Protein backbone atom coordinates (compact mmCIF):
# COMPACT_ATOMS: atom_id res chain seq x y z
CA MET A 1 96.16 41.53 153.83
CA THR A 2 93.22 39.62 153.17
CA LYS A 3 92.17 38.96 149.39
CA GLN A 4 89.08 41.04 149.56
CA GLU A 5 91.33 44.19 149.91
CA LYS A 6 94.07 42.67 147.44
CA ILE A 7 90.99 42.74 144.58
CA LEU A 8 89.70 45.83 146.36
CA TRP A 9 93.57 48.15 145.01
CA VAL A 10 93.46 45.86 142.11
CA ILE A 11 90.02 47.49 141.41
CA LEU A 12 90.18 50.95 142.36
CA PRO A 13 93.32 52.38 140.11
CA VAL A 14 90.80 50.48 137.13
CA VAL A 15 87.76 53.01 138.58
CA LEU A 16 89.77 56.04 138.72
CA VAL A 17 91.17 55.35 135.20
CA ILE A 18 87.63 54.89 133.71
CA LEU A 19 86.43 57.78 135.44
CA PHE A 20 88.81 60.30 134.66
CA LEU A 21 88.60 58.72 130.75
CA LEU A 22 84.69 59.70 131.34
CA SER A 23 85.49 63.03 132.35
CA SER A 24 88.40 63.95 129.83
CA THR A 25 86.00 62.93 127.29
CA ASP A 26 82.59 64.81 128.42
CA LEU A 27 80.44 61.88 128.93
CA ILE A 28 80.46 62.99 132.89
CA ILE A 29 81.02 66.70 132.75
CA LYS A 30 79.89 68.04 129.97
CA GLU A 31 81.47 72.11 129.17
CA LYS A 32 78.80 74.39 128.39
CA LYS A 33 79.29 75.37 124.66
CA THR A 34 78.91 79.37 123.44
CA VAL A 35 77.00 79.22 120.52
CA ILE A 36 78.04 81.31 117.98
CA TYR A 37 76.04 83.34 115.13
CA PRO A 38 77.67 83.61 111.89
CA ILE A 39 76.12 86.84 110.61
CA SER A 40 76.85 88.77 107.30
CA ILE A 41 76.66 92.13 106.31
CA ILE A 42 76.57 93.47 102.99
CA ILE A 43 76.63 97.37 102.54
CA SER A 44 76.28 99.28 99.40
CA ASP A 45 79.69 100.12 98.94
CA THR A 46 83.17 99.02 97.40
CA SER A 47 85.03 100.35 100.66
CA ASP A 48 84.04 100.59 104.05
CA ASP A 49 85.42 103.94 104.75
CA TYR A 50 82.15 105.73 105.33
CA PHE A 51 80.51 103.02 107.81
CA ALA A 52 83.06 103.25 110.71
CA ASN A 53 80.67 104.31 113.76
CA PHE A 54 78.22 101.67 112.13
CA ARG A 55 80.95 98.47 111.95
CA LYS A 56 82.47 99.78 115.67
CA GLY A 57 78.62 99.61 117.07
CA ALA A 58 78.47 96.07 114.93
CA ASP A 59 81.68 94.46 115.97
CA LYS A 60 80.62 96.37 120.03
CA ALA A 61 77.40 93.94 119.72
CA ALA A 62 79.07 90.79 117.96
CA GLU A 63 81.58 91.00 121.01
CA GLU A 64 78.15 90.77 123.36
CA TYR A 65 75.70 88.19 121.67
CA ASN A 66 79.11 85.65 120.23
CA VAL A 67 78.52 86.78 116.88
CA ASP A 68 80.91 85.96 113.84
CA VAL A 69 80.42 89.14 111.77
CA SER A 70 81.31 89.38 107.95
CA PHE A 71 81.57 92.30 106.61
CA ILE A 72 81.26 92.53 102.83
CA THR A 73 81.64 94.95 100.32
CA LEU A 74 80.56 95.60 96.90
CA TYR A 75 82.80 94.98 93.67
CA GLU A 76 81.29 97.37 91.38
CA LYS A 77 79.84 100.74 92.71
CA GLY A 78 75.78 100.93 92.19
CA ASP A 79 74.96 97.47 91.52
CA GLN A 80 71.98 96.58 93.15
CA ASP A 81 71.93 92.99 91.04
CA GLN A 82 75.34 92.42 92.60
CA GLN A 83 74.63 92.61 96.24
CA LEU A 84 71.66 90.22 95.70
CA GLU A 85 73.94 87.94 94.78
CA LEU A 86 76.11 88.54 97.53
CA VAL A 87 72.98 88.13 99.72
CA LYS A 88 72.62 84.74 98.11
CA ARG A 89 76.22 83.41 98.39
CA GLU A 90 76.35 84.40 102.02
CA ILE A 91 73.33 82.85 103.07
CA ASN A 92 74.78 79.64 100.67
CA ASP A 93 77.69 79.67 102.52
CA GLY A 94 75.53 79.14 106.10
CA ALA A 95 75.40 82.92 107.30
CA LEU A 96 71.89 82.55 109.43
CA ALA A 97 71.05 86.24 109.03
CA VAL A 98 71.96 88.77 106.62
CA VAL A 99 71.88 92.58 107.46
CA LEU A 100 71.90 94.43 103.94
CA VAL A 101 72.41 98.84 103.10
CA PRO A 102 70.62 98.41 99.96
CA VAL A 103 72.28 100.05 97.45
CA LYS A 104 69.08 101.13 95.32
CA PRO A 105 66.09 100.88 98.25
CA GLU A 106 63.42 101.14 95.90
CA GLU A 107 65.40 98.51 93.32
CA CYS A 108 65.86 96.48 96.15
CA ALA A 109 62.35 95.95 97.71
CA LYS A 110 60.97 95.13 94.32
CA LYS A 111 63.60 92.57 93.14
CA MET A 112 63.40 90.73 97.16
CA ASP A 113 60.15 90.85 96.84
CA ASP A 114 60.56 87.58 94.02
CA MET A 115 63.42 86.12 96.45
CA VAL A 116 63.20 83.48 98.57
CA LEU A 117 65.34 84.01 101.42
CA ASN A 118 66.31 80.93 103.68
CA CYS A 119 67.37 83.02 106.60
CA PRO A 120 66.17 86.08 108.48
CA ALA A 121 67.09 89.39 106.86
CA VAL A 122 67.50 92.97 108.67
CA ILE A 123 67.56 96.11 106.51
CA VAL A 124 69.62 99.52 107.51
CA GLY A 125 67.01 101.27 106.08
CA ASN A 126 62.95 101.17 105.40
CA LEU A 127 60.58 97.87 106.19
CA ILE A 128 60.61 96.40 102.78
CA PRO A 129 57.41 93.63 101.86
CA ASN A 130 59.82 90.11 102.11
CA GLU A 131 58.51 87.83 104.75
CA LYS A 132 61.54 87.33 105.73
CA VAL A 133 63.37 90.85 106.49
CA LYS A 134 62.17 91.20 109.83
CA SER A 135 63.30 94.64 110.86
CA GLY A 136 64.23 97.86 109.29
CA ILE A 137 66.84 100.52 111.13
CA ALA A 138 67.11 103.60 110.41
CA PRO A 139 66.65 107.62 110.69
CA ASP A 140 63.44 109.05 109.03
CA PHE A 141 65.21 109.90 105.96
CA GLU A 142 62.39 112.90 105.12
CA GLU A 143 62.94 113.79 108.48
CA GLU A 144 66.27 114.54 107.83
CA GLY A 145 65.90 116.72 104.49
CA ARG A 146 63.36 118.81 106.88
CA LYS A 147 65.56 119.41 109.11
CA LEU A 148 68.37 120.46 106.93
CA GLY A 149 65.83 122.24 104.72
CA GLN A 150 65.11 124.07 107.91
CA ALA A 151 68.49 124.88 109.05
CA ILE A 152 69.40 126.54 105.71
CA ALA A 153 66.26 128.33 105.70
CA ARG A 154 67.16 129.72 109.18
CA GLU A 155 70.71 130.76 108.77
CA ASN A 156 70.27 132.38 105.05
CA SER A 157 68.47 135.23 103.47
CA PRO A 158 65.53 134.07 101.26
CA GLY A 159 65.58 134.29 97.29
CA LYS A 160 69.24 132.67 97.30
CA PRO A 161 70.23 129.47 95.35
CA VAL A 162 70.80 126.36 96.75
CA TRP A 163 72.15 123.57 95.01
CA ILE A 164 71.77 120.04 96.11
CA PHE A 165 74.42 117.80 95.61
CA MET A 166 73.97 114.16 95.06
CA GLU A 167 74.87 110.78 93.83
CA GLY A 168 71.67 110.33 92.44
CA LEU A 169 67.84 110.46 93.70
CA ASP A 170 67.94 106.85 93.82
CA TYR A 171 70.91 106.48 95.84
CA GLY A 172 70.22 105.04 99.20
CA TYR A 173 67.75 107.14 100.49
CA ASN A 174 68.23 110.40 98.67
CA ARG A 175 65.06 110.72 97.46
CA ASP A 176 62.86 111.05 100.87
CA ILE A 177 66.24 113.31 102.04
CA TYR A 178 65.68 115.33 99.26
CA ALA A 179 61.74 115.26 99.35
CA GLY A 180 62.12 116.73 102.84
CA ALA A 181 64.88 119.37 101.86
CA GLU A 182 63.25 121.12 99.37
CA SER A 183 60.01 120.89 100.46
CA GLU A 184 60.77 123.15 103.40
CA LEU A 185 63.28 125.67 101.08
CA LYS A 186 61.09 126.19 98.47
CA ASN A 187 58.23 127.03 101.14
CA ALA A 188 60.90 129.48 102.12
CA GLY A 189 61.70 131.47 99.61
CA PHE A 190 64.78 129.41 98.33
CA THR A 191 65.34 128.54 94.74
CA VAL A 192 66.53 124.65 94.06
CA LYS A 193 68.60 123.04 91.77
CA ILE A 194 69.56 119.47 91.50
CA TYR A 195 73.62 118.45 90.66
CA ASN A 196 73.35 114.50 89.49
CA LYS A 197 76.94 113.30 89.58
CA THR A 198 76.90 111.86 86.00
CA MET A 199 80.71 111.99 85.87
CA GLU A 200 83.57 112.33 88.04
CA GLU A 201 84.19 116.15 87.46
CA THR A 202 80.38 117.35 88.04
CA PHE A 203 80.65 118.84 91.10
CA ARG A 204 83.86 120.49 90.65
CA LYS A 205 82.41 121.75 87.15
CA ALA A 206 79.58 123.60 89.09
CA ILE A 207 81.69 125.09 91.57
CA GLU A 208 84.13 126.08 88.77
CA GLY A 209 81.51 127.88 87.51
CA LEU A 210 81.30 130.04 90.41
CA VAL A 211 84.41 132.52 89.58
CA TYR A 212 83.40 133.76 86.01
CA PRO A 213 81.51 137.44 86.22
CA GLY A 214 78.15 137.60 86.57
CA SER A 215 78.20 134.33 88.68
CA GLU A 216 76.02 134.86 92.28
CA LYS A 217 76.83 133.32 95.47
CA VAL A 218 75.15 129.81 96.24
CA ILE A 219 74.72 127.63 99.37
CA ILE A 220 75.39 123.87 98.52
CA ALA A 221 73.63 121.17 100.05
CA ALA A 222 74.75 117.49 99.89
CA ILE A 223 72.59 115.23 100.67
CA ASP A 224 74.72 111.89 100.79
CA THR A 225 77.95 111.31 102.64
CA LYS A 226 80.12 110.36 99.44
CA SER A 227 78.92 113.63 97.88
CA LEU A 228 79.30 116.04 100.78
CA ASP A 229 82.91 114.35 101.40
CA GLU A 230 84.01 115.42 97.71
CA THR A 231 82.53 118.44 98.14
CA ALA A 232 84.12 119.26 101.19
CA GLU A 233 87.67 118.42 99.63
CA ILE A 234 86.98 120.86 96.59
CA ILE A 235 86.10 123.76 98.83
CA ALA A 236 88.82 123.49 101.04
CA GLY A 237 91.34 122.94 98.22
CA SER A 238 90.94 126.32 97.32
CA PRO A 239 90.32 129.68 99.36
CA VAL A 240 88.68 131.19 96.27
CA TYR A 241 85.82 128.50 95.80
CA GLY A 242 84.66 129.98 99.76
CA SER A 243 84.07 133.27 98.26
CA TYR A 244 81.26 132.18 96.09
CA VAL A 245 80.05 129.20 98.32
CA ASP A 246 78.25 131.26 101.16
CA GLY A 247 77.52 127.83 103.08
CA LEU A 248 77.92 124.14 102.17
CA TYR A 249 75.75 121.69 104.53
CA GLY A 250 74.95 118.09 104.17
CA VAL A 251 74.02 114.61 105.56
CA GLY A 252 76.72 112.46 107.43
CA SER A 253 78.68 112.19 110.36
CA THR A 254 82.20 110.62 109.37
CA THR A 255 85.45 111.68 111.08
CA ARG A 256 86.56 113.53 108.09
CA LEU A 257 83.51 115.60 107.48
CA LEU A 258 83.61 116.17 111.53
CA THR A 259 86.31 117.59 111.02
CA ASP A 260 85.77 120.06 107.86
CA LEU A 261 82.87 120.89 109.99
CA ASP A 262 84.93 121.89 113.24
CA ASN A 263 87.40 124.16 110.68
CA GLY A 264 84.63 125.67 109.10
CA VAL A 265 84.78 124.16 105.84
CA ILE A 266 81.09 122.75 106.09
CA LYS A 267 78.57 124.77 107.79
CA GLY A 268 76.01 122.36 109.10
CA LEU A 269 75.14 118.78 109.55
CA VAL A 270 72.25 116.27 109.66
CA VAL A 271 73.46 113.43 111.82
CA SER A 272 71.95 110.51 113.39
CA ASP A 273 73.71 107.80 115.63
CA GLN A 274 75.78 105.08 113.31
CA PHE A 275 77.29 103.36 116.04
CA ASP A 276 73.89 102.49 117.25
CA ALA A 277 72.75 101.35 114.20
CA GLY A 278 75.34 98.91 113.61
CA TYR A 279 74.81 97.76 117.05
CA ARG A 280 70.92 97.23 117.01
CA SER A 281 71.26 95.49 113.19
CA ILE A 282 73.16 92.64 115.01
CA GLU A 283 71.34 92.40 118.19
CA LYS A 284 67.96 92.70 115.71
CA ALA A 285 69.49 89.61 113.80
CA VAL A 286 70.54 87.40 116.63
CA GLU A 287 66.68 87.45 118.27
CA SER A 288 65.04 86.88 114.54
CA VAL A 289 67.96 83.81 114.89
CA HIS A 290 66.90 82.78 118.53
CA ARG A 291 63.25 83.12 118.70
CA GLY A 292 62.21 85.35 115.88
CA PHE A 293 60.45 88.69 116.32
CA GLN A 294 57.55 90.98 114.77
CA LYS A 295 58.44 92.95 111.65
CA GLU A 296 58.81 96.39 112.95
CA GLN A 297 61.00 99.66 111.84
CA ILE A 298 63.49 101.19 114.35
CA VAL A 299 63.26 104.68 113.90
CA LEU A 300 66.51 106.60 114.85
CA ASP A 301 67.12 109.99 115.95
CA SER A 302 68.57 112.81 113.89
CA TYR A 303 69.85 116.12 114.69
CA TYR A 304 71.06 119.26 112.86
CA ILE A 305 74.72 120.21 114.33
CA ARG A 306 76.95 123.11 113.42
CA ARG A 307 80.55 123.47 115.19
CA GLU A 308 79.87 124.48 118.23
CA ASP A 309 77.77 121.38 119.50
CA LEU A 310 80.62 119.31 118.50
CA ARG A 311 82.09 119.31 122.36
CA GLU A 312 78.34 118.90 123.81
CA SER A 313 78.60 115.56 125.40
CA LYS A 314 75.21 114.58 123.67
CA TYR A 315 76.65 114.37 120.73
CA GLU A 316 79.90 113.33 121.58
CA LYS A 317 78.92 110.12 122.33
CA ILE A 318 76.91 109.79 118.98
CA LEU A 319 79.74 111.01 117.06
CA TYR A 320 82.81 109.74 118.73
CA PRO A 321 81.40 106.51 119.82
CA ILE A 322 84.16 104.74 122.10
CA ASP A 323 85.19 101.19 120.89
């Protein structure tokens, strides 16, 4: 073996070792790194019980868009200030965008107008003035109320009293839903009475009062999910109450409410695609982080359904989304 060949045999292993070290330390072969987007969803309740389909949609989008989702609930029911403090906390903790389901939309809009947000926000509801709020995603709430009122008027004789059960006009978008329902009902000749939940037994006491002599039958419309869930539970708990309530209607599409519709406890529901709302909220949040976008209000379709509609494929996809 010549001297040059000996030198070559010495150098070759050294070169191979160097190449191996360079490649293993990512200096030559660059692996494509996946960008993860930390996004926080702050909902309007102390529990996510009423957000199952919304969360399924958000989780599906998170999987497709490489998002690390934090799903944040309130500590105290109905506390708008606390919700906005949670928004600040999540941003300070590194969220690149926030998705907000306002507790009290009007109060939220006023207070966020004075807030300085360091990241984009998506509202599950109607757009608000803050420049960092890039998108609103929701059904037309007043239209939901109109559909509810029209259904009650279509399915019942005029002149019957309609009781509207709710957490309060400032809770969620109840004010808009109520405005739509009241307009349709009064135009059709129905009398309307509001029951705001001022204490734990508000709805139960109202229903119990129907069994006294001289009481007339009523129609009940519960216009937010919590109120409808509670009212359905009260009516289902005693066959006596069903004799005095001509029909329970409402807004919402949780699994429990759909079961109550199927069992005949609820007569009709106004529903919207909550899976789509969750999916698109994450989608728009990622878009705003990645390249920004113009303000837009995305209006989701809403539908009035009865028991017989539950098995229709059109509604099954909306009401029972696959994970």
